[in-house]
Amino acid sequence: MPRSTHYTPPLSRFLVCALYHEAKTREIPMTQLANNLVETALKNSFGWKEAQDQMRLGEGINDQTSQTR
C-alpha cells in the first residue's frame, strides 16, 4: 500500500476500541464508521470548506467523501 503524503494523525487507543465495537454492532467497516462520524461532525465547518477549496484547486489527492456509503 503506497504511503500517504498527507499527515495522518493517530487516534487514541480508546477511540480505536470504541470504533471497533461500534462498527461491529453496526456491521460496517471501522473506516466507514470513522468517515461517517467525522464527515457529520465537520460538514459545513470552516475546515470542511477549506478542504473543498483545496480539492477543487487540485491540491488534494482524491475526494474521499461519500465513497464508503
N, C-alpha and C. Protein backbone atom coordinates (compact mmCIF):
# COMPACT_ATOMS: atom_id res chain seq x y z
N MET A 1 0.85 -1.18 0.00
CA MET A 1 0.00 0.00 0.00
C MET A 1 0.90 1.24 0.00
N PRO A 2 0.67 2.17 -0.94
CA PRO A 2 1.52 3.36 -1.00
C PRO A 2 1.38 4.22 0.24
N ARG A 3 2.45 4.85 0.59
CA ARG A 3 2.47 5.73 1.77
C ARG A 3 1.79 7.05 1.44
N SER A 4 0.94 7.52 2.34
CA SER A 4 0.23 8.79 2.15
C SER A 4 1.22 9.95 2.26
N THR A 5 0.99 10.98 1.44
CA THR A 5 1.83 12.17 1.51
C THR A 5 1.24 13.20 2.45
N HIS A 6 0.08 12.92 2.98
CA HIS A 6 -0.60 13.84 3.89
C HIS A 6 -0.44 13.36 5.33
N TYR A 7 -0.49 14.30 6.25
CA TYR A 7 -0.41 13.96 7.67
C TYR A 7 -1.61 13.12 8.07
N THR A 8 -1.37 12.04 8.75
CA THR A 8 -2.42 11.15 9.22
C THR A 8 -2.28 11.02 10.74
N PRO A 9 -3.09 11.78 11.48
CA PRO A 9 -2.95 11.75 12.94
C PRO A 9 -3.41 10.41 13.52
N PRO A 10 -2.64 9.87 14.45
CA PRO A 10 -3.07 8.62 15.07
C PRO A 10 -4.22 8.87 16.05
N LEU A 11 -5.14 7.93 16.11
CA LEU A 11 -6.23 8.01 17.08
C LEU A 11 -5.78 7.35 18.38
N SER A 12 -6.37 7.79 19.47
CA SER A 12 -6.04 7.17 20.75
C SER A 12 -6.51 5.72 20.76
N ARG A 13 -5.88 4.93 21.58
CA ARG A 13 -6.24 3.51 21.69
C ARG A 13 -7.70 3.36 22.12
N PHE A 14 -8.16 4.22 23.03
CA PHE A 14 -9.54 4.16 23.48
C PHE A 14 -10.51 4.40 22.33
N LEU A 15 -10.23 5.43 21.49
CA LEU A 15 -11.13 5.72 20.36
C LEU A 15 -11.16 4.58 19.35
N VAL A 16 -10.01 3.96 19.11
CA VAL A 16 -9.96 2.82 18.20
C VAL A 16 -10.81 1.67 18.77
N CYS A 17 -10.72 1.46 20.07
CA CYS A 17 -11.51 0.41 20.71
C CYS A 17 -13.01 0.71 20.58
N ALA A 18 -13.39 1.96 20.85
CA ALA A 18 -14.81 2.35 20.74
C ALA A 18 -15.29 2.22 19.29
N LEU A 19 -14.47 2.64 18.33
CA LEU A 19 -14.83 2.50 16.92
C LEU A 19 -15.01 1.03 16.55
N TYR A 20 -14.10 0.20 17.02
CA TYR A 20 -14.19 -1.23 16.73
C TYR A 20 -15.52 -1.81 17.19
N HIS A 21 -15.87 -1.54 18.44
CA HIS A 21 -17.10 -2.12 19.00
C HIS A 21 -18.35 -1.54 18.33
N GLU A 22 -18.33 -0.25 18.04
CA GLU A 22 -19.49 0.37 17.38
C GLU A 22 -19.64 -0.13 15.95
N ALA A 23 -18.53 -0.25 15.23
CA ALA A 23 -18.59 -0.77 13.86
C ALA A 23 -19.07 -2.21 13.84
N LYS A 24 -18.62 -2.98 14.81
CA LYS A 24 -19.06 -4.37 14.91
C LYS A 24 -20.57 -4.43 15.16
N THR A 25 -21.07 -3.56 16.06
CA THR A 25 -22.50 -3.51 16.35
C THR A 25 -23.31 -3.13 15.11
N ARG A 26 -22.79 -2.14 14.37
CA ARG A 26 -23.50 -1.67 13.16
C ARG A 26 -23.24 -2.55 11.94
N GLU A 27 -22.31 -3.49 12.08
CA GLU A 27 -21.92 -4.40 11.00
C GLU A 27 -21.43 -3.64 9.77
N ILE A 28 -20.54 -2.67 10.00
CA ILE A 28 -19.89 -1.93 8.93
C ILE A 28 -18.40 -1.85 9.25
N PRO A 29 -17.57 -1.60 8.23
CA PRO A 29 -16.13 -1.47 8.49
C PRO A 29 -15.83 -0.25 9.37
N MET A 30 -14.78 -0.35 10.17
CA MET A 30 -14.39 0.77 11.04
C MET A 30 -14.10 2.03 10.24
N THR A 31 -13.45 1.89 9.10
CA THR A 31 -13.12 3.06 8.28
C THR A 31 -14.39 3.77 7.83
N GLN A 32 -15.38 3.02 7.45
CA GLN A 32 -16.65 3.62 7.03
C GLN A 32 -17.29 4.37 8.19
N LEU A 33 -17.30 3.76 9.36
CA LEU A 33 -17.86 4.41 10.55
C LEU A 33 -17.10 5.69 10.87
N ALA A 34 -15.78 5.61 10.87
CA ALA A 34 -14.96 6.80 11.18
C ALA A 34 -15.21 7.91 10.16
N ASN A 35 -15.24 7.57 8.88
CA ASN A 35 -15.52 8.57 7.84
C ASN A 35 -16.89 9.21 8.04
N ASN A 36 -17.90 8.41 8.32
CA ASN A 36 -19.25 8.94 8.53
C ASN A 36 -19.31 9.88 9.73
N LEU A 37 -18.67 9.48 10.83
CA LEU A 37 -18.70 10.31 12.04
C LEU A 37 -17.96 11.63 11.85
N VAL A 38 -16.80 11.58 11.23
CA VAL A 38 -16.03 12.80 11.01
C VAL A 38 -16.73 13.71 10.01
N GLU A 39 -17.27 13.12 8.95
CA GLU A 39 -18.00 13.92 7.96
C GLU A 39 -19.19 14.63 8.59
N THR A 40 -19.95 13.92 9.40
CA THR A 40 -21.11 14.51 10.07
C THR A 40 -20.68 15.64 11.00
N ALA A 41 -19.58 15.45 11.72
CA ALA A 41 -19.11 16.46 12.66
C ALA A 41 -18.55 17.70 11.98
N LEU A 42 -17.94 17.53 10.81
CA LEU A 42 -17.24 18.65 10.18
C LEU A 42 -17.99 19.33 9.03
N LYS A 43 -18.99 18.65 8.49
CA LYS A 43 -19.69 19.22 7.34
C LYS A 43 -20.19 20.62 7.66
N ASN A 44 -20.00 21.53 6.76
CA ASN A 44 -20.38 22.95 6.87
C ASN A 44 -19.47 23.74 7.81
N SER A 45 -18.38 23.15 8.28
CA SER A 45 -17.43 23.89 9.13
C SER A 45 -16.44 24.64 8.25
N PHE A 46 -15.68 25.53 8.86
CA PHE A 46 -14.65 26.26 8.14
C PHE A 46 -13.63 25.29 7.52
N GLY A 47 -13.19 24.32 8.31
CA GLY A 47 -12.22 23.35 7.82
C GLY A 47 -12.73 22.55 6.64
N TRP A 48 -14.01 22.20 6.67
CA TRP A 48 -14.63 21.45 5.57
C TRP A 48 -14.58 22.29 4.29
N LYS A 49 -14.94 23.56 4.42
CA LYS A 49 -14.95 24.45 3.24
C LYS A 49 -13.54 24.66 2.70
N GLU A 50 -12.56 24.79 3.59
CA GLU A 50 -11.17 24.94 3.15
C GLU A 50 -10.71 23.69 2.40
N ALA A 51 -11.06 22.52 2.92
CA ALA A 51 -10.68 21.27 2.27
C ALA A 51 -11.33 21.16 0.88
N GLN A 52 -12.59 21.55 0.78
CA GLN A 52 -13.27 21.53 -0.52
C GLN A 52 -12.55 22.43 -1.51
N ASP A 53 -12.16 23.62 -1.06
CA ASP A 53 -11.45 24.55 -1.94
C ASP A 53 -10.12 23.95 -2.40
N GLN A 54 -9.38 23.33 -1.50
CA GLN A 54 -8.11 22.71 -1.87
C GLN A 54 -8.32 21.59 -2.87
N MET A 55 -9.36 20.80 -2.68
CA MET A 55 -9.63 19.70 -3.60
C MET A 55 -9.98 20.23 -4.99
N ARG A 56 -10.75 21.31 -5.02
CA ARG A 56 -11.11 21.91 -6.31
C ARG A 56 -9.88 22.45 -7.04
N LEU A 57 -8.92 22.94 -6.27
CA LEU A 57 -7.70 23.50 -6.85
C LEU A 57 -6.68 22.43 -7.21
N GLY A 58 -6.99 21.19 -6.92
CA GLY A 58 -6.09 20.11 -7.25
C GLY A 58 -4.98 19.89 -6.24
N GLU A 59 -5.11 20.51 -5.06
CA GLU A 59 -4.09 20.35 -4.03
C GLU A 59 -4.26 19.05 -3.27
N GLY A 60 -5.47 18.47 -3.31
CA GLY A 60 -5.71 17.20 -2.61
C GLY A 60 -5.48 16.07 -3.58
N ILE A 61 -5.57 14.83 -3.09
CA ILE A 61 -5.38 13.70 -3.97
C ILE A 61 -6.71 13.22 -4.52
N ASN A 62 -7.52 12.56 -3.73
CA ASN A 62 -8.81 12.04 -4.19
C ASN A 62 -9.90 12.50 -3.26
N ASP A 63 -11.09 12.76 -3.79
CA ASP A 63 -12.22 13.11 -2.95
C ASP A 63 -12.71 11.87 -2.25
N GLN A 64 -12.53 11.79 -0.94
CA GLN A 64 -12.88 10.60 -0.16
C GLN A 64 -14.30 10.65 0.38
N THR A 65 -14.97 11.79 0.30
CA THR A 65 -16.29 11.88 0.92
C THR A 65 -17.29 11.01 0.19
N SER A 66 -18.10 10.33 0.96
CA SER A 66 -19.21 9.53 0.49
C SER A 66 -18.82 8.31 -0.33
N GLN A 67 -17.54 7.92 -0.34
CA GLN A 67 -17.15 6.73 -1.09
C GLN A 67 -17.46 5.45 -0.34
N THR A 68 -17.61 5.54 0.97
CA THR A 68 -17.80 4.31 1.75
C THR A 68 -19.25 4.15 2.20
N ARG A 69 -20.17 4.77 1.54
CA ARG A 69 -21.57 4.64 1.93
C ARG A 69 -22.30 3.64 1.08
